[in-house]
């Protein structure tokens, strides 16, 4: 998500995409976008993230169902923010 920081995009599909390393499983999501972005020379429209703020946002099943069935569109952009403790994190905000 850091590679598309600040660029608006429209999410068209959301699915679980957990990251497993040995016995440890980290919750994640894969977002499919209407737009394509050039990342390291490749055109991509699917991004996986385990960022807690973003995964939490898309744990809402109704929101997922509405987006995945095209009932809703969600135009957002990924931005870097600082938490109250001063730690940087990526979050999605309305575009």
PDB file of N, CA and C in Angstrom:
ATOM      1  N   UNK A   1       0.824  -1.191   0.000  1.00  0.00           N
ATOM      2  CA  UNK A   1       0.000   0.000   0.000  1.00  0.00           C
ATOM      3  C   UNK A   1       0.870   1.258   0.000  1.00  0.00           C
ATOM      4  N   UNK A   2       2.063   1.140   0.533  1.00  0.00           N
ATOM      5  CA  UNK A   2       2.962   2.294   0.549  1.00  0.00           C
ATOM      6  C   UNK A   2       3.298   2.752  -0.862  1.00  0.00           C
ATOM      7  N   UNK A   3       3.276   1.837  -1.814  1.00  0.00           N
ATOM      8  CA  UNK A   3       3.640   2.163  -3.202  1.00  0.00           C
ATOM      9  C   UNK A   3       2.609   3.047  -3.883  1.00  0.00           C
ATOM     10  N   UNK A   4       1.377   3.078  -3.355  1.00  0.00           N
ATOM     11  CA  UNK A   4       0.333   3.912  -3.974  1.00  0.00           C
ATOM     12  C   UNK A   4      -0.131   5.011  -3.020  1.00  0.00           C
ATOM     13  N   UNK A   5       0.701   5.341  -2.050  1.00  0.00           N
ATOM     14  CA  UNK A   5       0.404   6.369  -1.052  1.00  0.00           C
ATOM     15  C   UNK A   5      -0.024   7.666  -1.720  1.00  0.00           C
ATOM     16  N   UNK A   6      -1.205   8.149  -1.344  1.00  0.00           N
ATOM     17  CA  UNK A   6      -1.696   9.429  -1.825  1.00  0.00           C
ATOM     18  C   UNK A   6      -2.493   9.382  -3.114  1.00  0.00           C
ATOM     19  N   UNK A   7      -2.500   8.264  -3.822  1.00  0.00           N
ATOM     20  CA  UNK A   7      -3.238   8.154  -5.081  1.00  0.00           C
ATOM     21  C   UNK A   7      -4.652   7.623  -4.826  1.00  0.00           C
ATOM     22  N   UNK A   8      -5.677   8.287  -5.358  1.00  0.00           N
ATOM     23  CA  UNK A   8      -7.047   7.778  -5.169  1.00  0.00           C
ATOM     24  C   UNK A   8      -7.281   6.522  -6.014  1.00  0.00           C
ATOM     25  N   UNK A   9      -8.122   5.630  -5.496  1.00  0.00           N
ATOM     26  CA  UNK A   9      -8.496   4.423  -6.223  1.00  0.00           C
ATOM     27  C   UNK A   9      -9.868   3.947  -5.786  1.00  0.00           C
ATOM     28  N   UNK A  10     -10.502   3.161  -6.652  1.00  0.00           N
ATOM     29  CA  UNK A  10     -11.833   2.635  -6.395  1.00  0.00           C
ATOM     30  C   UNK A  10     -11.730   1.139  -6.127  1.00  0.00           C
ATOM     31  N   UNK A  11     -12.172   0.713  -4.953  1.00  0.00           N
ATOM     32  CA  UNK A  11     -12.122  -0.697  -4.580  1.00  0.00           C
ATOM     33  C   UNK A  11     -13.319  -1.412  -5.186  1.00  0.00           C
ATOM     34  N   UNK A  12     -13.044  -2.498  -5.917  1.00  0.00           N
ATOM     35  CA  UNK A  12     -14.118  -3.262  -6.566  1.00  0.00           C
ATOM     36  C   UNK A  12     -14.315  -4.642  -5.952  1.00  0.00           C
ATOM     37  N   UNK A  13     -13.341  -5.117  -5.177  1.00  0.00           N
ATOM     38  CA  UNK A  13     -13.468  -6.440  -4.557  1.00  0.00           C
ATOM     39  C   UNK A  13     -12.573  -6.514  -3.325  1.00  0.00           C
ATOM     40  N   UNK A  14     -13.085  -7.184  -2.277  1.00  0.00           N
ATOM     41  CA  UNK A  14     -12.348  -7.361  -1.027  1.00  0.00           C
ATOM     42  C   UNK A  14     -12.404  -8.835  -0.660  1.00  0.00           C
ATOM     43  N   UNK A  15     -11.253  -9.412  -0.294  1.00  0.00           N
ATOM     44  CA  UNK A  15     -11.251 -10.800   0.163  1.00  0.00           C
ATOM     45  C   UNK A  15     -10.186 -10.982   1.238  1.00  0.00           C
ATOM     46  N   UNK A  16     -10.376 -12.005   2.076  1.00  0.00           N
ATOM     47  CA  UNK A  16      -9.372 -12.326   3.081  1.00  0.00           C
ATOM     48  C   UNK A  16      -8.100 -12.793   2.386  1.00  0.00           C
ATOM     49  N   UNK A  17      -6.977 -12.417   2.927  1.00  0.00           N
ATOM     50  CA  UNK A  17      -5.688 -12.837   2.390  1.00  0.00           C
ATOM     51  C   UNK A  17      -4.683 -12.807   3.533  1.00  0.00           C
ATOM     52  N   UNK A  18      -4.785 -13.804   4.395  1.00  0.00           N
ATOM     53  CA  UNK A  18      -3.934 -13.851   5.573  1.00  0.00           C
ATOM     54  C   UNK A  18      -2.503 -14.208   5.197  1.00  0.00           C
ATOM     55  N   UNK A  19      -1.568 -13.749   6.016  1.00  0.00           N
ATOM     56  CA  UNK A  19      -0.141 -14.021   5.819  1.00  0.00           C
ATOM     57  C   UNK A  19       0.285 -15.038   6.866  1.00  0.00           C
ATOM     58  N   UNK A  20       0.850 -16.139   6.422  1.00  0.00           N
ATOM     59  CA  UNK A  20       1.275 -17.199   7.331  1.00  0.00           C
ATOM     60  C   UNK A  20       2.784 -17.353   7.269  1.00  0.00           C
ATOM     61  N   UNK A  21       3.402 -17.343   8.440  1.00  0.00           N
ATOM     62  CA  UNK A  21       4.837 -17.568   8.535  1.00  0.00           C
ATOM     63  C   UNK A  21       5.042 -18.576   9.667  1.00  0.00           C
ATOM     64  N   UNK A  22       5.322 -19.818   9.280  1.00  0.00           N
ATOM     65  CA  UNK A  22       5.431 -20.884  10.268  1.00  0.00           C
ATOM     66  C   UNK A  22       4.080 -21.116  10.926  1.00  0.00           C
ATOM     67  N   UNK A  23       4.045 -21.024  12.246  1.00  0.00           N
ATOM     68  CA  UNK A  23       2.795 -21.205  13.005  1.00  0.00           C
ATOM     69  C   UNK A  23       2.005 -19.905  13.129  1.00  0.00           C
ATOM     70  N   UNK A  24       2.640 -18.784  12.832  1.00  0.00           N
ATOM     71  CA  UNK A  24       2.003 -17.476  13.019  1.00  0.00           C
ATOM     72  C   UNK A  24       1.156 -17.091  11.815  1.00  0.00           C
ATOM     73  N   UNK A  25      -0.082 -16.661  12.088  1.00  0.00           N
ATOM     74  CA  UNK A  25      -0.982 -16.195  11.039  1.00  0.00           C
ATOM     75  C   UNK A  25      -1.355 -14.750  11.344  1.00  0.00           C
ATOM     76  N   UNK A  26      -1.144 -13.881  10.371  1.00  0.00           N
ATOM     77  CA  UNK A  26      -1.506 -12.473  10.495  1.00  0.00           C
ATOM     78  C   UNK A  26      -2.674 -12.204   9.565  1.00  0.00           C
ATOM     79  N   UNK A  27      -3.755 -11.643  10.116  1.00  0.00           N
ATOM     80  CA  UNK A  27      -4.919 -11.331   9.292  1.00  0.00           C
ATOM     81  C   UNK A  27      -4.544 -10.312   8.225  1.00  0.00           C
ATOM     82  N   UNK A  28      -5.084 -10.517   7.033  1.00  0.00           N
ATOM     83  CA  UNK A  28      -4.818  -9.612   5.932  1.00  0.00           C
ATOM     84  C   UNK A  28      -5.991  -9.563   4.977  1.00  0.00           C
ATOM     85  N   UNK A  29      -5.967  -8.614   4.067  1.00  0.00           N
ATOM     86  CA  UNK A  29      -6.988  -8.501   3.018  1.00  0.00           C
ATOM     87  C   UNK A  29      -6.298  -8.255   1.688  1.00  0.00           C
ATOM     88  N   UNK A  30      -6.977  -8.699   0.621  1.00  0.00           N
ATOM     89  CA  UNK A  30      -6.539  -8.388  -0.736  1.00  0.00           C
ATOM     90  C   UNK A  30      -7.610  -7.482  -1.328  1.00  0.00           C
ATOM     91  N   UNK A  31      -7.192  -6.328  -1.816  1.00  0.00           N
ATOM     92  CA  UNK A  31      -8.092  -5.347  -2.418  1.00  0.00           C
ATOM     93  C   UNK A  31      -7.854  -5.322  -3.922  1.00  0.00           C
ATOM     94  N   UNK A  32      -8.937  -5.432  -4.686  1.00  0.00           N
ATOM     95  CA  UNK A  32      -8.864  -5.279  -6.134  1.00  0.00           C
ATOM     96  C   UNK A  32      -9.400  -3.894  -6.468  1.00  0.00           C
ATOM     97  N   UNK A  33      -8.664  -3.168  -7.299  1.00  0.00           N
ATOM     98  CA  UNK A  33      -9.043  -1.811  -7.664  1.00  0.00           C
ATOM     99  C   UNK A  33      -9.422  -1.708  -9.132  1.00  0.00           C
ATOM    100  N   UNK A  34     -10.237  -0.728  -9.425  1.00  0.00           N
ATOM    101  CA  UNK A  34     -10.612  -0.435 -10.806  1.00  0.00           C
ATOM    102  C   UNK A  34      -9.395   0.092 -11.577  1.00  0.00           C
ATOM    103  N   UNK A  35      -8.581   0.878 -10.906  1.00  0.00           N
ATOM    104  CA  UNK A  35      -7.419   1.496 -11.525  1.00  0.00           C
ATOM    105  C   UNK A  35      -6.204   0.568 -11.437  1.00  0.00           C
ATOM    106  N   UNK A  36      -5.263   0.758 -12.351  1.00  0.00           N
ATOM    107  CA  UNK A  36      -3.991   0.040 -12.323  1.00  0.00           C
ATOM    108  C   UNK A  36      -2.896   1.025 -11.932  1.00  0.00           C
ATOM    109  N   UNK A  37      -1.909   0.540 -11.194  1.00  0.00           N
ATOM    110  CA  UNK A  37      -0.792   1.369 -10.755  1.00  0.00           C
ATOM    111  C   UNK A  37       0.512   0.703 -11.164  1.00  0.00           C
ATOM    112  N   UNK A  38       1.480   1.520 -11.528  1.00  0.00           N
ATOM    113  CA  UNK A  38       2.796   1.001 -11.873  1.00  0.00           C
ATOM    114  C   UNK A  38       3.599   0.842 -10.579  1.00  0.00           C
ATOM    115  N   UNK A  39       3.962  -0.411 -10.282  1.00  0.00           N
ATOM    116  CA  UNK A  39       4.739  -0.710  -9.080  1.00  0.00           C
ATOM    117  C   UNK A  39       5.954  -1.520  -9.514  1.00  0.00           C
ATOM    118  N   UNK A  40       7.110  -0.937  -9.326  1.00  0.00           N
ATOM    119  CA  UNK A  40       8.361  -1.588  -9.710  1.00  0.00           C
ATOM    120  C   UNK A  40       8.321  -2.069 -11.157  1.00  0.00           C
ATOM    121  N   UNK A  41       7.726  -1.254 -12.040  1.00  0.00           N
ATOM    122  CA  UNK A  41       7.678  -1.567 -13.464  1.00  0.00           C
ATOM    123  C   UNK A  41       6.539  -2.480 -13.888  1.00  0.00           C
ATOM    124  N   UNK A  42       5.710  -2.922 -12.957  1.00  0.00           N
ATOM    125  CA  UNK A  42       4.583  -3.801 -13.274  1.00  0.00           C
ATOM    126  C   UNK A  42       3.265  -3.074 -13.047  1.00  0.00           C
ATOM    127  N   UNK A  43       2.292  -3.305 -13.920  1.00  0.00           N
ATOM    128  CA  UNK A  43       0.960  -2.739 -13.757  1.00  0.00           C
ATOM    129  C   UNK A  43       0.152  -3.651 -12.826  1.00  0.00           C
ATOM    130  N   UNK A  44      -0.326  -3.087 -11.722  1.00  0.00           N
ATOM    131  CA  UNK A  44      -1.032  -3.888 -10.722  1.00  0.00           C
ATOM    132  C   UNK A  44      -2.351  -3.228 -10.332  1.00  0.00           C
ATOM    133  N   UNK A  45      -3.365  -4.073 -10.083  1.00  0.00           N
ATOM    134  CA  UNK A  45      -4.615  -3.547  -9.539  1.00  0.00           C
ATOM    135  C   UNK A  45      -5.090  -4.372  -8.343  1.00  0.00           C
ATOM    136  N   UNK A  46      -4.226  -5.251  -7.824  1.00  0.00           N
ATOM    137  CA  UNK A  46      -4.536  -6.034  -6.627  1.00  0.00           C
ATOM    138  C   UNK A  46      -3.419  -5.833  -5.622  1.00  0.00           C
ATOM    139  N   UNK A  47      -3.811  -5.496  -4.399  1.00  0.00           N
ATOM    140  CA  UNK A  47      -2.837  -5.243  -3.349  1.00  0.00           C
ATOM    141  C   UNK A  47      -3.231  -5.993  -2.091  1.00  0.00           C
ATOM    142  N   UNK A  48      -2.260  -6.636  -1.476  1.00  0.00           N
ATOM    143  CA  UNK A  48      -2.435  -7.372  -0.231  1.00  0.00           C
ATOM    144  C   UNK A  48      -1.882  -6.511   0.893  1.00  0.00           C
ATOM    145  N   UNK A  49      -2.588  -6.480   2.020  1.00  0.00           N
ATOM    146  CA  UNK A  49      -2.064  -5.752   3.171  1.00  0.00           C
ATOM    147  C   UNK A  49      -2.450  -6.459   4.461  1.00  0.00           C
ATOM    148  N   UNK A  50      -1.563  -6.356   5.423  1.00  0.00           N
ATOM    149  CA  UNK A  50      -1.852  -6.831   6.774  1.00  0.00           C
ATOM    150  C   UNK A  50      -1.905  -5.649   7.737  1.00  0.00           C
ATOM    151  N   UNK A  51      -1.927  -4.451   7.205  1.00  0.00           N
ATOM    152  CA  UNK A  51      -1.998  -3.250   8.050  1.00  0.00           C
ATOM    153  C   UNK A  51      -3.278  -3.307   8.882  1.00  0.00           C
ATOM    154  N   UNK A  52      -3.118  -3.251  10.195  1.00  0.00           N
ATOM    155  CA  UNK A  52      -4.225  -3.461  11.126  1.00  0.00           C
ATOM    156  C   UNK A  52      -5.381  -2.497  10.867  1.00  0.00           C
ATOM    157  N   UNK A  53      -5.100  -1.221  10.663  1.00  0.00           N
ATOM    158  CA  UNK A  53      -6.161  -0.232  10.463  1.00  0.00           C
ATOM    159  C   UNK A  53      -6.981  -0.543   9.210  1.00  0.00           C
ATOM    160  N   UNK A  54      -6.327  -1.021   8.167  1.00  0.00           N
ATOM    161  CA  UNK A  54      -7.015  -1.319   6.908  1.00  0.00           C
ATOM    162  C   UNK A  54      -7.776  -2.637   7.022  1.00  0.00           C
ATOM    163  N   UNK A  55      -7.148  -3.660   7.608  1.00  0.00           N
ATOM    164  CA  UNK A  55      -7.821  -4.950   7.781  1.00  0.00           C
ATOM    165  C   UNK A  55      -9.067  -4.777   8.643  1.00  0.00           C
ATOM    166  N   UNK A  56      -8.957  -4.003   9.699  1.00  0.00           N
ATOM    167  CA  UNK A  56     -10.100  -3.758  10.599  1.00  0.00           C
ATOM    168  C   UNK A  56     -11.246  -3.080   9.852  1.00  0.00           C
ATOM    169  N   UNK A  57     -10.907  -2.122   8.995  1.00  0.00           N
ATOM    170  CA  UNK A  57     -11.920  -1.394   8.221  1.00  0.00           C
ATOM    171  C   UNK A  57     -12.734  -2.344   7.345  1.00  0.00           C
ATOM    172  N   UNK A  58     -12.077  -3.377   6.811  1.00  0.00           N
ATOM    173  CA  UNK A  58     -12.744  -4.282   5.879  1.00  0.00           C
ATOM    174  C   UNK A  58     -13.174  -5.603   6.516  1.00  0.00           C
ATOM    175  N   UNK A  59     -13.272  -5.626   7.841  1.00  0.00           N
ATOM    176  CA  UNK A  59     -13.805  -6.810   8.517  1.00  0.00           C
ATOM    177  C   UNK A  59     -15.332  -6.769   8.550  1.00  0.00           C
ATOM    178  N   UNK A  60     -15.925  -5.649   8.172  1.00  0.00           N
ATOM    179  CA  UNK A  60     -17.379  -5.492   8.134  1.00  0.00           C
ATOM    180  C   UNK A  60     -17.942  -6.283   6.946  1.00  0.00           C
ATOM    181  N   UNK A  61     -18.676  -7.367   7.232  1.00  0.00           N
ATOM    182  CA  UNK A  61     -19.171  -8.256   6.174  1.00  0.00           C
ATOM    183  C   UNK A  61     -20.169  -7.572   5.250  1.00  0.00           C
ATOM    184  N   UNK A  62     -21.017  -6.682   5.786  1.00  0.00           N
ATOM    185  CA  UNK A  62     -21.995  -5.974   4.937  1.00  0.00           C
ATOM    186  C   UNK A  62     -21.274  -5.084   3.925  1.00  0.00           C
ATOM    187  N   UNK A  63     -20.255  -4.370   4.381  1.00  0.00           N
ATOM    188  CA  UNK A  63     -19.476  -3.523   3.470  1.00  0.00           C
ATOM    189  C   UNK A  63     -18.835  -4.374   2.381  1.00  0.00           C
ATOM    190  N   UNK A  64     -18.233  -5.493   2.763  1.00  0.00           N
ATOM    191  CA  UNK A  64     -17.627  -6.396   1.778  1.00  0.00           C
ATOM    192  C   UNK A  64     -18.658  -6.880   0.765  1.00  0.00           C
ATOM    193  N   UNK A  65     -19.805  -7.334   1.273  1.00  0.00           N
ATOM    194  CA  UNK A  65     -20.853  -7.846   0.378  1.00  0.00           C
ATOM    195  C   UNK A  65     -21.323  -6.771  -0.589  1.00  0.00           C
ATOM    196  N   UNK A  66     -21.522  -5.545  -0.089  1.00  0.00           N
ATOM    197  CA  UNK A  66     -21.996  -4.454  -0.948  1.00  0.00           C
ATOM    198  C   UNK A  66     -20.967  -4.103  -2.021  1.00  0.00           C
ATOM    199  N   UNK A  67     -19.698  -4.063  -1.664  1.00  0.00           N
ATOM    200  CA  UNK A  67     -18.662  -3.751  -2.651  1.00  0.00           C
ATOM    201  C   UNK A  67     -18.493  -4.904  -3.632  1.00  0.00           C
ATOM    202  N   UNK A  68     -18.434  -6.134  -3.127  1.00  0.00           N
ATOM    203  CA  UNK A  68     -18.211  -7.297  -3.994  1.00  0.00           C
ATOM    204  C   UNK A  68     -19.372  -7.539  -4.948  1.00  0.00           C
ATOM    205  N   UNK A  69     -20.578  -7.088  -4.599  1.00  0.00           N
ATOM    206  CA  UNK A  69     -21.743  -7.257  -5.475  1.00  0.00           C
ATOM    207  C   UNK A  69     -22.005  -6.009  -6.319  1.00  0.00           C
ATOM    208  N   UNK A  70     -21.123  -5.025  -6.234  1.00  0.00           N
ATOM    209  CA  UNK A  70     -21.227  -3.751  -6.977  1.00  0.00           C
ATOM    210  C   UNK A  70     -22.387  -2.885  -6.525  1.00  0.00           C
ATOM    211  N   UNK A  71     -22.956  -3.142  -5.350  1.00  0.00           N
ATOM    212  CA  UNK A  71     -24.007  -2.269  -4.809  1.00  0.00           C
ATOM    213  C   UNK A  71     -23.416  -0.944  -4.337  1.00  0.00           C
ATOM    214  N   UNK A  72     -22.184  -0.994  -3.864  1.00  0.00           N
ATOM    215  CA  UNK A  72     -21.481   0.178  -3.350  1.00  0.00           C
ATOM    216  C   UNK A  72     -20.178   0.353  -4.104  1.00  0.00           C
ATOM    217  N   UNK A  73     -19.755   1.600  -4.238  1.00  0.00           N
ATOM    218  CA  UNK A  73     -18.405   1.861  -4.711  1.00  0.00           C
ATOM    219  C   UNK A  73     -17.690   2.605  -3.593  1.00  0.00           C
ATOM    220  N   UNK A  74     -16.417   2.401  -3.502  1.00  0.00           N
ATOM    221  CA  UNK A  74     -15.646   3.018  -2.437  1.00  0.00           C
ATOM    222  C   UNK A  74     -14.381   3.600  -3.042  1.00  0.00           C
ATOM    223  N   UNK A  75     -14.361   4.918  -3.170  1.00  0.00           N
ATOM    224  CA  UNK A  75     -13.192   5.616  -3.710  1.00  0.00           C
ATOM    225  C   UNK A  75     -12.411   6.177  -2.528  1.00  0.00           C
ATOM    226  N   UNK A  76     -11.179   5.702  -2.380  1.00  0.00           N
ATOM    227  CA  UNK A  76     -10.346   6.065  -1.237  1.00  0.00           C
ATOM    228  C   UNK A  76      -8.926   6.356  -1.691  1.00  0.00           C
ATOM    229  N   UNK A  77      -8.116   6.782  -0.754  1.00  0.00           N
ATOM    230  CA  UNK A  77      -6.679   6.874  -0.997  1.00  0.00           C
ATOM    231  C   UNK A  77      -5.963   6.443   0.271  1.00  0.00           C
ATOM    232  N   UNK A  78      -4.789   5.919   0.084  1.00  0.00           N
ATOM    233  CA  UNK A  78      -3.965   5.430   1.183  1.00  0.00           C
ATOM    234  C   UNK A  78      -3.038   6.561   1.601  1.00  0.00           C
ATOM    235  N   UNK A  79      -3.049   6.881   2.894  1.00  0.00           N
ATOM    236  CA  UNK A  79      -2.164   7.938   3.377  1.00  0.00           C
ATOM    237  C   UNK A  79      -1.409   7.460   4.606  1.00  0.00           C
ATOM    238  N   UNK A  80      -0.271   8.037   4.822  1.00  0.00           N
ATOM    239  CA  UNK A  80       0.529   7.752   6.008  1.00  0.00           C
ATOM    240  C   UNK A  80       0.076   8.705   7.104  1.00  0.00           C
ATOM    241  N   UNK A  81      -0.240   8.145   8.268  1.00  0.00           N
ATOM    242  CA  UNK A  81      -0.666   8.945   9.415  1.00  0.00           C
ATOM    243  C   UNK A  81       0.184   8.571  10.616  1.00  0.00           C
ATOM    244  N   UNK A  82       0.096   9.374  11.658  1.00  0.00           N
ATOM    245  CA  UNK A  82       0.783   9.067  12.912  1.00  0.00           C
ATOM    246  C   UNK A  82      -0.272   8.784  13.976  1.00  0.00           C
ATOM    247  N   UNK A  83      -0.020   7.721  14.746  1.00  0.00           N
ATOM    248  CA  UNK A  83      -0.913   7.388  15.855  1.00  0.00           C
ATOM    249  C   UNK A  83      -0.635   8.332  17.013  1.00  0.00           C
ATOM    250  N   UNK A  84      -1.462   8.242  18.047  1.00  0.00           N
ATOM    251  CA  UNK A  84      -1.267   9.105  19.213  1.00  0.00           C
ATOM    252  C   UNK A  84       0.074   8.822  19.896  1.00  0.00           C
ATOM    253  N   UNK A  85       0.615   7.618  19.699  1.00  0.00           N
ATOM    254  CA  UNK A  85       1.924   7.285  20.285  1.00  0.00           C
ATOM    255  C   UNK A  85       3.083   7.764  19.401  1.00  0.00           C
ATOM    256  N   UNK A  86       2.745   8.311  18.220  1.00  0.00           N
ATOM    257  CA  UNK A  86       3.782   8.830  17.322  1.00  0.00           C
ATOM    258  C   UNK A  86       4.239   7.821  16.274  1.00  0.00           C
ATOM    259  N   UNK A  87       3.672   6.619  16.304  1.00  0.00           N
ATOM    260  CA  UNK A  87       4.050   5.586  15.343  1.00  0.00           C
ATOM    261  C   UNK A  87       3.341   5.832  14.002  1.00  0.00           C
ATOM    262  N   UNK A  88       4.065   5.696  12.896  1.00  0.00           N
ATOM    263  CA  UNK A  88       3.475   5.891  11.565  1.00  0.00           C
ATOM    264  C   UNK A  88       2.726   4.634  11.141  1.00  0.00           C
ATOM    265  N   UNK A  89       1.604   4.830  10.437  1.00  0.00           N
ATOM    266  CA  UNK A  89       0.843   3.722   9.889  1.00  0.00           C
ATOM    267  C   UNK A  89       0.120   4.201   8.654  1.00  0.00           C
ATOM    268  N   UNK A  90      -0.302   3.240   7.782  1.00  0.00           N
ATOM    269  CA  UNK A  90      -1.063   3.583   6.585  1.00  0.00           C
ATOM    270  C   UNK A  90      -2.538   3.373   6.868  1.00  0.00           C
ATOM    271  N   UNK A  91      -3.356   4.309   6.395  1.00  0.00           N
ATOM    272  CA  UNK A  91      -4.788   4.250   6.587  1.00  0.00           C
ATOM    273  C   UNK A  91      -5.459   4.632   5.278  1.00  0.00           C
ATOM    274  N   UNK A  92      -6.713   4.200   5.113  1.00  0.00           N
ATOM    275  CA  UNK A  92      -7.498   4.583   3.947  1.00  0.00           C
ATOM    276  C   UNK A  92      -8.477   5.663   4.347  1.00  0.00           C
ATOM    277  N   UNK A  93      -8.564   6.702   3.532  1.00  0.00           N
ATOM    278  CA  UNK A  93      -9.498   7.798   3.778  1.00  0.00           C
ATOM    279  C   UNK A  93     -10.268   8.068   2.480  1.00  0.00           C
ATOM    280  N   UNK A  94     -11.420   8.704   2.600  1.00  0.00           N
ATOM    281  CA  UNK A  94     -12.198   9.058   1.422  1.00  0.00           C
ATOM    282  C   UNK A  94     -11.377   9.932   0.486  1.00  0.00           C
ATOM    283  N   UNK A  95     -11.522   9.649  -0.809  1.00  0.00           N
ATOM    284  CA  UNK A  95     -10.768  10.421  -1.797  1.00  0.00           C
ATOM    285  C   UNK A  95     -11.610  11.537  -2.360  1.00  0.00           C
TER     286      UNK A  95
END
